[in-house]
Amino acid sequence: MTPRLRIRIAPLALVLSALLVSACDAPTVARPMAAYSPTSLTNGQLYRWSSGSTIRVWHIQPADSTRDVFRATQLALAEWNAVPRLREYRLESATSLERANIVIVDRSTPLPLAPAASCPFDPRGSTGYTYFCVSGNRAQRLQSSSGAPTDVSVIIRLDVGGMASQAVLEAVVLHEMGHALGIGGHSPETADVMFGNPTARFLSGRDVQTLQFLLGERPQFTL
């Protein structure tokens, strides 16, 4: 089982989206070239959060697991927070599900959000699965399972029970957070966090270089 990224893209809307993204998302300084493709899983479409975003992450600890999802989440936030050069984003823990932008949940926990009707939610066979649904030039905000509106646009779904150790959990959460920030591709190098079957628990220079590249590009859609 390997991590997966799941999005749905409306091609016509994306043709127009470059005209709709605000000017603050235009490149501002020279950036490194990507070390590996950040769009190989998204049909060449680049995405990220709007510049200056505070991205709030809510995790749900599985009731029947000794694996520590909170620790894995905090380590991932610290690693990815070290990458921005011009305050393009800031990751922090959310104070509630409704105020979150990204939710991390295990397969043993009932999904607290309703996936978008136009985008199937299918994490079968995945240890980690990142989901969002694009409408126009932005990922849709999802409703809670009770129908209440939220700020959540990204779900990271884990199969914690299928992971052999806490180290594996930390590697998978770090990898999926990379997808949730905008890396819509996998690295061919095993030492990189974004390798398709991740084992790395710390960002490589190639991971940093790839995210810094895309943070300086104009996205086709935002999260």
N, C-alpha and C. Protein backbone atom coordinates (compact mmCIF):
# COMPACT_ATOMS: atom_id res chain seq x y z
N MET A 1 0.84 -1.19 0.00
CA MET A 1 0.00 0.00 0.00
C MET A 1 0.88 1.25 0.00
N THR A 2 0.52 2.24 -0.79
CA THR A 2 1.31 3.45 -0.89
C THR A 2 0.42 4.67 -0.72
N PRO A 3 1.01 5.83 -0.34
CA PRO A 3 0.23 7.05 -0.24
C PRO A 3 -0.31 7.46 -1.59
N ARG A 4 -1.47 8.14 -1.57
CA ARG A 4 -2.10 8.58 -2.80
C ARG A 4 -2.62 10.00 -2.65
N LEU A 5 -2.70 10.68 -3.76
CA LEU A 5 -3.29 12.00 -3.84
C LEU A 5 -4.53 11.90 -4.69
N ARG A 6 -5.65 12.42 -4.22
CA ARG A 6 -6.90 12.35 -4.97
C ARG A 6 -7.47 13.75 -5.12
N ILE A 7 -7.60 14.22 -6.34
CA ILE A 7 -8.30 15.46 -6.60
C ILE A 7 -9.16 15.27 -7.84
N ARG A 8 -10.11 16.15 -8.03
CA ARG A 8 -10.89 16.17 -9.26
C ARG A 8 -10.73 17.55 -9.87
N ILE A 9 -10.39 17.61 -11.15
CA ILE A 9 -10.13 18.87 -11.81
C ILE A 9 -11.12 19.06 -12.94
N ALA A 10 -11.71 20.24 -13.03
CA ALA A 10 -12.56 20.60 -14.17
C ALA A 10 -11.70 21.33 -15.19
N PRO A 11 -11.34 20.69 -16.32
CA PRO A 11 -10.36 21.27 -17.24
C PRO A 11 -10.73 22.66 -17.74
N LEU A 12 -12.01 22.90 -18.08
CA LEU A 12 -12.38 24.20 -18.62
C LEU A 12 -12.17 25.29 -17.59
N ALA A 13 -12.54 25.01 -16.35
CA ALA A 13 -12.38 26.01 -15.30
C ALA A 13 -10.91 26.35 -15.11
N LEU A 14 -10.03 25.36 -15.26
CA LEU A 14 -8.61 25.61 -15.05
C LEU A 14 -8.01 26.45 -16.16
N VAL A 15 -8.55 26.37 -17.35
CA VAL A 15 -8.08 27.21 -18.44
C VAL A 15 -8.26 28.69 -18.07
N LEU A 16 -9.34 29.00 -17.36
CA LEU A 16 -9.64 30.37 -16.99
C LEU A 16 -8.98 30.78 -15.68
N SER A 17 -8.55 29.81 -14.89
CA SER A 17 -8.15 30.13 -13.52
C SER A 17 -6.94 31.02 -13.45
N ALA A 18 -6.02 30.95 -14.41
CA ALA A 18 -4.82 31.79 -14.37
C ALA A 18 -5.19 33.27 -14.40
N LEU A 19 -6.35 33.59 -14.98
CA LEU A 19 -6.80 34.98 -15.04
C LEU A 19 -7.48 35.41 -13.75
N LEU A 20 -7.87 34.43 -12.93
CA LEU A 20 -8.66 34.74 -11.74
C LEU A 20 -7.84 34.78 -10.46
N VAL A 21 -6.64 34.16 -10.46
CA VAL A 21 -5.82 34.14 -9.26
C VAL A 21 -5.31 35.55 -8.99
N SER A 22 -5.33 35.98 -7.75
CA SER A 22 -4.97 37.35 -7.42
C SER A 22 -3.51 37.63 -7.71
N ALA A 23 -3.20 38.91 -7.89
CA ALA A 23 -1.84 39.30 -8.25
C ALA A 23 -0.84 38.96 -7.17
N CYS A 24 -1.27 38.83 -5.92
CA CYS A 24 -0.33 38.53 -4.85
C CYS A 24 0.27 37.15 -4.99
N ASP A 25 -0.29 36.31 -5.86
CA ASP A 25 0.26 34.98 -6.07
C ASP A 25 1.24 34.93 -7.23
N ALA A 26 1.58 36.08 -7.81
CA ALA A 26 2.58 36.11 -8.87
C ALA A 26 3.97 35.95 -8.26
N PRO A 27 4.93 35.39 -9.01
CA PRO A 27 6.29 35.25 -8.49
C PRO A 27 6.87 36.60 -8.07
N THR A 28 7.64 36.61 -6.98
CA THR A 28 8.19 37.85 -6.47
C THR A 28 9.71 37.86 -6.45
N VAL A 29 10.36 36.72 -6.35
CA VAL A 29 11.83 36.66 -6.33
C VAL A 29 12.26 35.44 -7.14
N ALA A 30 13.55 35.41 -7.47
CA ALA A 30 14.08 34.25 -8.19
C ALA A 30 13.97 33.02 -7.30
N ARG A 31 13.57 31.90 -7.88
CA ARG A 31 13.37 30.67 -7.14
C ARG A 31 14.23 29.55 -7.72
N PRO A 32 14.53 28.52 -6.92
CA PRO A 32 15.24 27.36 -7.48
C PRO A 32 14.33 26.57 -8.40
N MET A 33 14.92 25.82 -9.29
CA MET A 33 14.14 24.91 -10.11
C MET A 33 13.68 23.73 -9.25
N ALA A 34 12.55 23.15 -9.60
CA ALA A 34 12.05 21.98 -8.88
C ALA A 34 13.01 20.81 -9.07
N ALA A 35 13.26 20.07 -8.00
CA ALA A 35 14.14 18.90 -8.08
C ALA A 35 13.43 17.70 -8.68
N TYR A 36 12.09 17.70 -8.59
CA TYR A 36 11.25 16.68 -9.20
C TYR A 36 9.91 17.32 -9.51
N SER A 37 9.10 16.66 -10.29
CA SER A 37 7.86 17.28 -10.77
C SER A 37 6.85 17.48 -9.63
N PRO A 38 6.36 18.71 -9.44
CA PRO A 38 5.28 18.94 -8.47
C PRO A 38 3.89 18.82 -9.08
N THR A 39 3.80 18.34 -10.32
CA THR A 39 2.49 18.28 -10.99
C THR A 39 2.25 16.95 -11.71
N SER A 40 3.07 15.94 -11.46
CA SER A 40 2.93 14.68 -12.21
C SER A 40 1.65 13.94 -11.86
N LEU A 41 1.05 14.22 -10.71
CA LEU A 41 -0.20 13.57 -10.30
C LEU A 41 -1.42 14.44 -10.58
N THR A 42 -1.21 15.62 -11.12
CA THR A 42 -2.31 16.58 -11.31
C THR A 42 -2.44 17.03 -12.77
N ASN A 43 -2.00 16.18 -13.68
CA ASN A 43 -2.12 16.50 -15.11
C ASN A 43 -1.44 17.82 -15.47
N GLY A 44 -0.32 18.09 -14.79
CA GLY A 44 0.44 19.30 -15.10
C GLY A 44 -0.09 20.57 -14.47
N GLN A 45 -1.13 20.46 -13.63
CA GLN A 45 -1.72 21.64 -13.00
C GLN A 45 -1.06 21.90 -11.65
N LEU A 46 -0.60 23.12 -11.46
CA LEU A 46 0.08 23.49 -10.22
C LEU A 46 -0.91 24.13 -9.25
N TYR A 47 -0.81 23.77 -7.99
CA TYR A 47 -1.71 24.31 -6.97
C TYR A 47 -0.93 24.61 -5.70
N ARG A 48 -1.47 25.47 -4.89
CA ARG A 48 -0.92 25.77 -3.56
C ARG A 48 -1.91 26.66 -2.83
N TRP A 49 -1.57 27.03 -1.60
CA TRP A 49 -2.39 27.96 -0.83
C TRP A 49 -2.07 29.38 -1.28
N SER A 50 -3.01 30.27 -1.13
CA SER A 50 -2.77 31.68 -1.46
C SER A 50 -1.63 32.23 -0.62
N SER A 51 -0.83 33.09 -1.20
CA SER A 51 0.32 33.66 -0.49
C SER A 51 -0.14 34.37 0.79
N GLY A 52 0.60 34.14 1.86
CA GLY A 52 0.28 34.73 3.15
C GLY A 52 -0.71 33.96 3.98
N SER A 53 -1.09 32.76 3.55
CA SER A 53 -2.10 31.98 4.26
C SER A 53 -1.60 31.46 5.61
N THR A 54 -2.48 31.46 6.59
CA THR A 54 -2.28 30.66 7.81
C THR A 54 -3.11 29.41 7.63
N ILE A 55 -2.45 28.26 7.64
CA ILE A 55 -3.10 26.98 7.35
C ILE A 55 -3.24 26.22 8.66
N ARG A 56 -4.47 25.97 9.06
CA ARG A 56 -4.74 25.35 10.36
C ARG A 56 -5.05 23.87 10.17
N VAL A 57 -4.39 23.05 10.99
CA VAL A 57 -4.46 21.59 10.85
C VAL A 57 -5.09 20.99 12.10
N TRP A 58 -6.11 20.16 11.89
CA TRP A 58 -6.81 19.45 12.98
C TRP A 58 -6.58 17.96 12.81
N HIS A 59 -6.15 17.31 13.88
CA HIS A 59 -5.95 15.86 13.80
C HIS A 59 -6.91 15.16 14.75
N ILE A 60 -7.26 13.92 14.41
CA ILE A 60 -8.11 13.10 15.27
C ILE A 60 -7.33 11.84 15.62
N GLN A 61 -7.05 11.66 16.90
CA GLN A 61 -6.30 10.50 17.35
C GLN A 61 -7.19 9.26 17.37
N PRO A 62 -6.77 8.16 16.72
CA PRO A 62 -7.57 6.93 16.77
C PRO A 62 -7.70 6.42 18.20
N ALA A 63 -8.91 6.03 18.57
CA ALA A 63 -9.17 5.62 19.95
C ALA A 63 -8.46 4.32 20.31
N ASP A 64 -8.24 3.44 19.32
CA ASP A 64 -7.72 2.11 19.62
C ASP A 64 -6.29 1.92 19.12
N SER A 65 -5.52 2.99 19.03
CA SER A 65 -4.16 2.89 18.50
C SER A 65 -3.15 3.43 19.48
N THR A 66 -2.00 2.78 19.54
CA THR A 66 -0.89 3.29 20.35
C THR A 66 -0.02 4.24 19.55
N ARG A 67 -0.23 4.34 18.25
CA ARG A 67 0.52 5.28 17.43
C ARG A 67 0.06 6.71 17.75
N ASP A 68 0.99 7.63 17.79
CA ASP A 68 0.71 9.00 18.22
C ASP A 68 0.56 9.91 17.00
N VAL A 69 -0.67 10.13 16.58
CA VAL A 69 -0.92 10.98 15.42
C VAL A 69 -0.60 12.44 15.74
N PHE A 70 -0.82 12.86 16.98
CA PHE A 70 -0.48 14.23 17.37
C PHE A 70 1.01 14.48 17.17
N ARG A 71 1.85 13.58 17.65
CA ARG A 71 3.29 13.76 17.49
C ARG A 71 3.67 13.81 16.01
N ALA A 72 3.13 12.90 15.23
CA ALA A 72 3.44 12.87 13.80
C ALA A 72 3.01 14.18 13.13
N THR A 73 1.86 14.70 13.53
CA THR A 73 1.38 15.95 12.95
C THR A 73 2.26 17.12 13.33
N GLN A 74 2.65 17.20 14.60
CA GLN A 74 3.50 18.31 15.05
C GLN A 74 4.87 18.28 14.39
N LEU A 75 5.42 17.11 14.20
CA LEU A 75 6.71 17.00 13.51
C LEU A 75 6.59 17.45 12.06
N ALA A 76 5.49 17.09 11.41
CA ALA A 76 5.28 17.49 10.02
C ALA A 76 5.11 19.01 9.92
N LEU A 77 4.37 19.60 10.85
CA LEU A 77 4.20 21.06 10.82
C LEU A 77 5.54 21.76 10.97
N ALA A 78 6.37 21.28 11.89
CA ALA A 78 7.67 21.91 12.11
C ALA A 78 8.56 21.80 10.88
N GLU A 79 8.57 20.64 10.25
CA GLU A 79 9.41 20.45 9.06
C GLU A 79 8.97 21.36 7.92
N TRP A 80 7.69 21.35 7.60
CA TRP A 80 7.22 22.13 6.46
C TRP A 80 7.19 23.63 6.75
N ASN A 81 7.09 24.01 8.02
CA ASN A 81 7.13 25.43 8.37
C ASN A 81 8.49 26.05 8.14
N ALA A 82 9.52 25.21 8.06
CA ALA A 82 10.88 25.73 7.86
C ALA A 82 11.18 26.08 6.41
N VAL A 83 10.25 25.78 5.49
CA VAL A 83 10.53 25.94 4.06
C VAL A 83 10.26 27.34 3.52
N PRO A 84 9.16 28.03 3.85
CA PRO A 84 8.86 29.32 3.21
C PRO A 84 10.00 30.32 3.36
N ARG A 85 10.21 31.11 2.30
CA ARG A 85 11.24 32.14 2.30
C ARG A 85 10.65 33.52 2.54
N LEU A 86 9.42 33.72 2.10
CA LEU A 86 8.80 35.05 2.17
C LEU A 86 7.44 34.99 2.85
N ARG A 87 7.33 34.15 3.86
CA ARG A 87 6.08 34.03 4.62
C ARG A 87 4.90 33.67 3.72
N GLU A 88 5.15 32.79 2.76
CA GLU A 88 4.08 32.39 1.84
C GLU A 88 2.97 31.65 2.56
N TYR A 89 3.28 30.96 3.64
CA TYR A 89 2.25 30.31 4.44
C TYR A 89 2.80 30.06 5.83
N ARG A 90 1.90 29.75 6.74
CA ARG A 90 2.26 29.37 8.10
C ARG A 90 1.32 28.27 8.54
N LEU A 91 1.88 27.14 8.95
CA LEU A 91 1.10 26.01 9.47
C LEU A 91 0.97 26.11 10.97
N GLU A 92 -0.22 25.83 11.48
CA GLU A 92 -0.40 25.78 12.93
C GLU A 92 -1.55 24.83 13.25
N SER A 93 -1.62 24.41 14.51
CA SER A 93 -2.72 23.54 14.94
C SER A 93 -4.02 24.33 15.00
N ALA A 94 -5.11 23.70 14.59
CA ALA A 94 -6.42 24.34 14.64
C ALA A 94 -7.02 24.20 16.04
N THR A 95 -7.91 25.10 16.39
CA THR A 95 -8.58 25.05 17.69
C THR A 95 -9.86 24.24 17.65
N SER A 96 -10.34 23.93 16.43
CA SER A 96 -11.54 23.12 16.30
C SER A 96 -11.60 22.57 14.88
N LEU A 97 -12.44 21.56 14.68
CA LEU A 97 -12.63 21.01 13.35
C LEU A 97 -13.14 22.07 12.38
N GLU A 98 -14.11 22.87 12.82
CA GLU A 98 -14.74 23.84 11.93
C GLU A 98 -13.77 24.92 11.47
N ARG A 99 -12.77 25.25 12.31
CA ARG A 99 -11.81 26.30 11.98
C ARG A 99 -10.61 25.77 11.21
N ALA A 100 -10.53 24.46 11.05
CA ALA A 100 -9.38 23.86 10.37
C ALA A 100 -9.46 24.07 8.87
N ASN A 101 -8.31 23.98 8.23
CA ASN A 101 -8.22 23.96 6.76
C ASN A 101 -7.84 22.57 6.25
N ILE A 102 -7.10 21.85 7.08
CA ILE A 102 -6.69 20.47 6.78
C ILE A 102 -7.09 19.60 7.96
N VAL A 103 -7.69 18.45 7.69
CA VAL A 103 -8.06 17.50 8.75
C VAL A 103 -7.34 16.18 8.50
N ILE A 104 -6.71 15.65 9.55
CA ILE A 104 -6.02 14.36 9.49
C ILE A 104 -6.84 13.36 10.29
N VAL A 105 -7.26 12.27 9.65
CA VAL A 105 -8.16 11.31 10.30
C VAL A 105 -7.77 9.89 9.91
N ASP A 106 -7.90 8.96 10.83
CA ASP A 106 -7.60 7.56 10.57
C ASP A 106 -8.83 6.84 10.03
N ARG A 107 -8.60 5.75 9.32
CA ARG A 107 -9.70 4.98 8.74
C ARG A 107 -10.63 4.40 9.80
N SER A 108 -10.14 4.21 11.03
CA SER A 108 -10.97 3.64 12.09
C SER A 108 -11.96 4.66 12.67
N THR A 109 -11.79 5.93 12.33
CA THR A 109 -12.65 6.99 12.83
C THR A 109 -13.67 7.37 11.76
N PRO A 110 -14.95 7.46 12.11
CA PRO A 110 -15.93 7.92 11.10
C PRO A 110 -15.52 9.27 10.53
N LEU A 111 -15.62 9.41 9.24
CA LEU A 111 -15.21 10.64 8.57
C LEU A 111 -16.06 11.80 9.08
N PRO A 112 -15.43 12.83 9.65
CA PRO A 112 -16.21 13.93 10.23
C PRO A 112 -16.66 14.96 9.21
N LEU A 113 -16.33 14.75 7.94
CA LEU A 113 -16.65 15.69 6.88
C LEU A 113 -17.33 14.96 5.73
N ALA A 114 -18.16 15.68 5.01
CA ALA A 114 -18.84 15.10 3.85
C ALA A 114 -18.03 15.45 2.60
N PRO A 115 -17.47 14.46 1.91
CA PRO A 115 -16.75 14.74 0.67
C PRO A 115 -17.67 15.44 -0.33
N ALA A 116 -17.09 16.20 -1.22
CA ALA A 116 -17.88 16.91 -2.23
C ALA A 116 -18.60 15.91 -3.12
N ALA A 117 -19.84 16.22 -3.46
CA ALA A 117 -20.66 15.30 -4.25
C ALA A 117 -20.04 15.00 -5.62
N SER A 118 -19.31 15.95 -6.17
CA SER A 118 -18.74 15.79 -7.50
C SER A 118 -17.41 15.05 -7.51
N CYS A 119 -16.87 14.72 -6.32
CA CYS A 119 -15.54 14.10 -6.22
C CYS A 119 -15.61 12.84 -5.36
N PRO A 120 -15.46 11.66 -5.93
CA PRO A 120 -15.47 10.43 -5.14
C PRO A 120 -14.34 10.41 -4.11
N PHE A 121 -14.63 9.89 -2.95
CA PHE A 121 -13.64 9.72 -1.89
C PHE A 121 -13.32 8.24 -1.82
N ASP A 122 -12.12 7.85 -2.28
CA ASP A 122 -11.79 6.43 -2.42
C ASP A 122 -10.35 6.16 -1.99
N PRO A 123 -10.12 5.97 -0.68
CA PRO A 123 -8.76 5.74 -0.18
C PRO A 123 -8.34 4.28 -0.14
N ARG A 124 -9.09 3.39 -0.79
CA ARG A 124 -8.79 1.97 -0.71
C ARG A 124 -7.36 1.68 -1.17
N GLY A 125 -6.67 0.81 -0.39
CA GLY A 125 -5.32 0.41 -0.73
C GLY A 125 -4.26 1.44 -0.43
N SER A 126 -4.58 2.47 0.35
CA SER A 126 -3.63 3.54 0.62
C SER A 126 -3.32 3.63 2.11
N THR A 127 -2.03 3.71 2.45
CA THR A 127 -1.65 3.99 3.84
C THR A 127 -1.90 5.46 4.16
N GLY A 128 -1.76 6.31 3.14
CA GLY A 128 -2.04 7.72 3.28
C GLY A 128 -2.73 8.21 2.03
N TYR A 129 -3.69 9.14 2.19
CA TYR A 129 -4.55 9.55 1.07
C TYR A 129 -4.92 11.01 1.28
N THR A 130 -4.51 11.87 0.35
CA THR A 130 -4.83 13.29 0.43
C THR A 130 -5.93 13.62 -0.57
N TYR A 131 -6.99 14.24 -0.08
CA TYR A 131 -8.18 14.49 -0.88
C TYR A 131 -8.55 15.96 -0.85
N PHE A 132 -8.85 16.52 -2.02
CA PHE A 132 -9.56 17.78 -2.12
C PHE A 132 -10.26 17.82 -3.46
N CYS A 133 -11.23 18.71 -3.59
CA CYS A 133 -12.08 18.75 -4.79
C CYS A 133 -12.08 20.17 -5.34
N VAL A 134 -11.64 20.31 -6.58
CA VAL A 134 -11.48 21.62 -7.20
C VAL A 134 -12.75 22.03 -7.94
N SER A 135 -13.20 23.25 -7.68
CA SER A 135 -14.32 23.83 -8.41
C SER A 135 -13.88 25.21 -8.88
N GLY A 136 -13.81 25.40 -10.19
CA GLY A 136 -13.29 26.66 -10.71
C GLY A 136 -11.81 26.78 -10.45
N ASN A 137 -11.41 27.80 -9.71
CA ASN A 137 -9.99 28.01 -9.44
C ASN A 137 -9.65 27.83 -7.97
N ARG A 138 -10.49 27.06 -7.25
CA ARG A 138 -10.25 26.89 -5.82
C ARG A 138 -10.81 25.55 -5.34
N ALA A 139 -10.15 24.96 -4.35
CA ALA A 139 -10.66 23.75 -3.72
C ALA A 139 -11.92 24.09 -2.91
N GLN A 140 -12.91 23.21 -2.97
CA GLN A 140 -14.17 23.44 -2.27
C GLN A 140 -14.01 23.33 -0.77
N ARG A 141 -14.73 24.15 -0.03
CA ARG A 141 -14.84 24.01 1.42
C ARG A 141 -15.87 22.91 1.69
N LEU A 142 -15.57 22.06 2.65
CA LEU A 142 -16.40 20.88 2.91
C LEU A 142 -17.31 21.11 4.11
N GLN A 143 -18.44 20.47 4.10
CA GLN A 143 -19.35 20.50 5.25
C GLN A 143 -18.98 19.41 6.24
N SER A 144 -19.30 19.65 7.50
CA SER A 144 -19.14 18.59 8.49
C SER A 144 -20.16 17.51 8.21
N SER A 145 -20.00 16.35 8.83
CA SER A 145 -20.93 15.25 8.61
C SER A 145 -22.34 15.60 9.07
N SER A 146 -22.47 16.62 9.92
CA SER A 146 -23.79 17.06 10.37
C SER A 146 -24.38 18.12 9.44
N GLY A 147 -23.62 18.53 8.42
CA GLY A 147 -24.11 19.52 7.47
C GLY A 147 -23.67 20.94 7.76
N ALA A 148 -22.90 21.16 8.83
CA ALA A 148 -22.45 22.50 9.17
C ALA A 148 -21.28 22.92 8.28
N PRO A 149 -21.20 24.20 7.92
CA PRO A 149 -20.08 24.66 7.10
C PRO A 149 -18.77 24.65 7.88
N THR A 150 -17.67 24.43 7.20
CA THR A 150 -16.34 24.46 7.81
C THR A 150 -15.40 25.21 6.88
N ASP A 151 -14.17 25.42 7.34
CA ASP A 151 -13.12 26.01 6.50
C ASP A 151 -12.24 24.92 5.89
N VAL A 152 -12.59 23.67 6.09
CA VAL A 152 -11.75 22.55 5.63
C VAL A 152 -11.87 22.37 4.12
N SER A 153 -10.73 22.27 3.46
CA SER A 153 -10.73 21.94 2.04
C SER A 153 -9.90 20.69 1.73
N VAL A 154 -9.11 20.24 2.71
CA VAL A 154 -8.22 19.08 2.48
C VAL A 154 -8.41 18.05 3.59
N ILE A 155 -8.58 16.79 3.19
CA ILE A 155 -8.62 15.67 4.12
C ILE A 155 -7.39 14.80 3.89
N ILE A 156 -6.67 14.50 4.96
CA ILE A 156 -5.60 13.49 4.92
C ILE A 156 -6.12 12.29 5.68
N ARG A 157 -6.31 11.20 4.99
CA ARG A 157 -6.84 9.99 5.61
C ARG A 157 -5.72 8.97 5.73
N LEU A 158 -5.57 8.39 6.92
CA LEU A 158 -4.49 7.46 7.23
C LEU A 158 -5.01 6.06 7.50
N ASP A 159 -4.16 5.08 7.27
CA ASP A 159 -4.42 3.71 7.71
C ASP A 159 -3.39 3.39 8.78
N VAL A 160 -3.61 3.94 9.98
CA VAL A 160 -2.63 3.81 11.05
C VAL A 160 -2.42 2.36 11.44
N GLY A 161 -3.48 1.58 11.44
CA GLY A 161 -3.36 0.17 11.81
C GLY A 161 -2.49 -0.63 10.85
N GLY A 162 -2.34 -0.15 9.64
CA GLY A 162 -1.50 -0.84 8.66
C GLY A 162 -0.06 -0.42 8.68
N MET A 163 0.31 0.47 9.60
CA MET A 163 1.68 0.97 9.67
C MET A 163 2.47 0.21 10.72
N ALA A 164 3.69 -0.14 10.39
CA ALA A 164 4.49 -1.04 11.23
C ALA A 164 5.05 -0.36 12.47
N SER A 165 5.14 0.96 12.46
CA SER A 165 5.79 1.65 13.58
C SER A 165 5.40 3.11 13.60
N GLN A 166 5.76 3.79 14.70
CA GLN A 166 5.56 5.23 14.79
C GLN A 166 6.38 5.95 13.73
N ALA A 167 7.57 5.43 13.43
CA ALA A 167 8.41 6.05 12.41
C ALA A 167 7.74 6.05 11.04
N VAL A 168 7.05 4.96 10.72
CA VAL A 168 6.33 4.88 9.45
C VAL A 168 5.20 5.91 9.43
N LEU A 169 4.46 6.00 10.53
CA LEU A 169 3.39 6.98 10.63
C LEU A 169 3.92 8.39 10.40
N GLU A 170 5.04 8.72 11.03
CA GLU A 170 5.61 10.06 10.89
C GLU A 170 6.03 10.34 9.45
N ALA A 171 6.59 9.33 8.79
CA ALA A 171 7.00 9.50 7.39
C ALA A 171 5.80 9.72 6.49
N VAL A 172 4.72 8.97 6.72
CA VAL A 172 3.52 9.09 5.88
C VAL A 172 2.82 10.43 6.10
N VAL A 173 2.69 10.86 7.35
CA VAL A 173 2.04 12.16 7.62
C VAL A 173 2.86 13.29 7.00
N LEU A 174 4.18 13.23 7.11
CA LEU A 174 5.03 14.25 6.51
C LEU A 174 4.85 14.28 4.99
N HIS A 175 4.78 13.11 4.39
CA HIS A 175 4.57 12.99 2.94
C HIS A 175 3.22 13.57 2.52
N GLU A 176 2.16 13.17 3.21
CA GLU A 176 0.83 13.65 2.85
C GLU A 176 0.69 15.15 3.06
N MET A 177 1.37 15.68 4.06
CA MET A 177 1.34 17.13 4.26
C MET A 177 1.99 17.85 3.08
N GLY A 178 3.00 17.22 2.47
CA GLY A 178 3.59 17.80 1.27
C GLY A 178 2.58 17.91 0.15
N HIS A 179 1.75 16.86 -0.03
CA HIS A 179 0.67 16.95 -1.02
C HIS A 179 -0.32 18.05 -0.64
N ALA A 180 -0.63 18.16 0.65
CA ALA A 180 -1.61 19.14 1.10
C ALA A 180 -1.12 20.57 0.95
N LEU A 181 0.19 20.76 0.81
CA LEU A 181 0.74 22.09 0.63
C LEU A 181 0.90 22.47 -0.84
N GLY A 182 0.91 21.47 -1.73
CA GLY A 182 1.00 21.81 -3.14
C GLY A 182 1.88 20.91 -3.98
N ILE A 183 2.56 19.96 -3.39
CA ILE A 183 3.41 19.07 -4.19
C ILE A 183 2.53 17.95 -4.75
N GLY A 184 2.09 18.12 -5.96
CA GLY A 184 1.21 17.14 -6.60
C GLY A 184 1.99 16.15 -7.43
N GLY A 185 3.04 15.61 -6.85
CA GLY A 185 3.87 14.64 -7.55
C GLY A 185 4.71 13.85 -6.56
N HIS A 186 5.41 12.84 -7.06
CA HIS A 186 6.29 12.01 -6.24
C HIS A 186 7.72 12.12 -6.74
N SER A 187 8.64 12.03 -5.80
CA SER A 187 10.06 12.01 -6.15
C SER A 187 10.50 10.59 -6.49
N PRO A 188 11.46 10.42 -7.40
CA PRO A 188 12.01 9.09 -7.69
C PRO A 188 13.10 8.68 -6.71
N GLU A 189 13.50 9.58 -5.80
CA GLU A 189 14.61 9.31 -4.89
C GLU A 189 14.10 8.88 -3.52
N THR A 190 14.61 7.75 -3.02
CA THR A 190 14.13 7.20 -1.75
C THR A 190 14.43 8.09 -0.56
N ALA A 191 15.45 8.94 -0.66
CA ALA A 191 15.82 9.80 0.47
C ALA A 191 14.89 10.99 0.62
N ASP A 192 14.03 11.22 -0.35
CA ASP A 192 13.12 12.37 -0.30
C ASP A 192 11.82 12.01 0.41
N VAL A 193 11.27 12.95 1.14
CA VAL A 193 9.98 12.76 1.82
C VAL A 193 8.89 12.44 0.81
N MET A 194 8.99 13.01 -0.38
CA MET A 194 7.93 12.83 -1.37
C MET A 194 8.17 11.63 -2.29
N PHE A 195 9.07 10.73 -1.92
CA PHE A 195 9.17 9.45 -2.60
C PHE A 195 7.85 8.71 -2.46
N GLY A 196 7.47 7.94 -3.49
CA GLY A 196 6.14 7.33 -3.51
C GLY A 196 5.85 6.37 -2.37
N ASN A 197 6.87 5.73 -1.82
CA ASN A 197 6.70 4.85 -0.66
C ASN A 197 7.59 5.40 0.45
N PRO A 198 7.13 6.45 1.14
CA PRO A 198 8.03 7.25 1.97
C PRO A 198 8.53 6.54 3.22
N THR A 199 9.80 6.80 3.52
CA THR A 199 10.41 6.36 4.78
C THR A 199 11.14 7.51 5.47
N ALA A 200 11.43 8.59 4.73
CA ALA A 200 12.17 9.72 5.29
C ALA A 200 11.29 10.50 6.28
N ARG A 201 11.91 10.91 7.39
CA ARG A 201 11.18 11.66 8.42
C ARG A 201 11.65 13.10 8.53
N PHE A 202 12.55 13.48 7.64
CA PHE A 202 13.03 14.86 7.59
C PHE A 202 13.14 15.27 6.12
N LEU A 203 12.81 16.52 5.83
CA LEU A 203 12.85 16.99 4.46
C LEU A 203 14.27 16.97 3.91
N SER A 204 14.40 16.54 2.67
CA SER A 204 15.68 16.60 1.99
C SER A 204 15.81 17.97 1.32
N GLY A 205 17.01 18.28 0.87
CA GLY A 205 17.19 19.51 0.11
C GLY A 205 16.35 19.54 -1.14
N ARG A 206 16.12 18.36 -1.72
CA ARG A 206 15.31 18.28 -2.93
C ARG A 206 13.84 18.58 -2.64
N ASP A 207 13.34 18.12 -1.49
CA ASP A 207 11.97 18.43 -1.09
C ASP A 207 11.81 19.94 -0.89
N VAL A 208 12.76 20.54 -0.18
CA VAL A 208 12.72 21.98 0.07
C VAL A 208 12.77 22.75 -1.24
N GLN A 209 13.68 22.36 -2.12
CA GLN A 209 13.83 23.04 -3.40
C GLN A 209 12.55 22.98 -4.22
N THR A 210 11.91 21.83 -4.21
CA THR A 210 10.69 21.67 -5.02
C THR A 210 9.55 22.53 -4.49
N LEU A 211 9.36 22.57 -3.16
CA LEU A 211 8.30 23.40 -2.62
C LEU A 211 8.61 24.88 -2.81
N GLN A 212 9.86 25.28 -2.62
CA GLN A 212 10.20 26.69 -2.83
C GLN A 212 9.97 27.11 -4.28
N PHE A 213 10.24 26.21 -5.20
CA PHE A 213 9.95 26.49 -6.61
C PHE A 213 8.47 26.79 -6.81
N LEU A 214 7.60 25.90 -6.34
CA LEU A 214 6.18 26.07 -6.63
C LEU A 214 5.58 27.25 -5.86
N LEU A 215 6.17 27.60 -4.70
CA LEU A 215 5.68 28.77 -3.97
C LEU A 215 5.92 30.06 -4.74
N GLY A 216 6.86 30.04 -5.69
CA GLY A 216 7.13 31.21 -6.50
C GLY A 216 6.42 31.21 -7.83
N GLU A 217 5.62 30.18 -8.10
CA GLU A 217 4.90 30.07 -9.36
C GLU A 217 3.44 30.51 -9.20
N ARG A 218 2.85 30.94 -10.30
CA ARG A 218 1.43 31.27 -10.28
C ARG A 218 0.62 29.98 -10.40
N PRO A 219 -0.23 29.65 -9.43
CA PRO A 219 -0.96 28.39 -9.46
C PRO A 219 -2.15 28.42 -10.40
N GLN A 220 -2.53 27.25 -10.91
CA GLN A 220 -3.77 27.14 -11.68
C GLN A 220 -5.00 27.13 -10.77
N PHE A 221 -4.82 26.63 -9.54
CA PHE A 221 -5.89 26.73 -8.55
C PHE A 221 -5.29 26.78 -7.17
N THR A 222 -6.04 27.33 -6.22
CA THR A 222 -5.58 27.45 -4.83
C THR A 222 -6.41 26.54 -3.92
N LEU A 223 -5.84 26.26 -2.77
CA LEU A 223 -6.51 25.40 -1.80
C LEU A 223 -7.30 26.21 -0.78
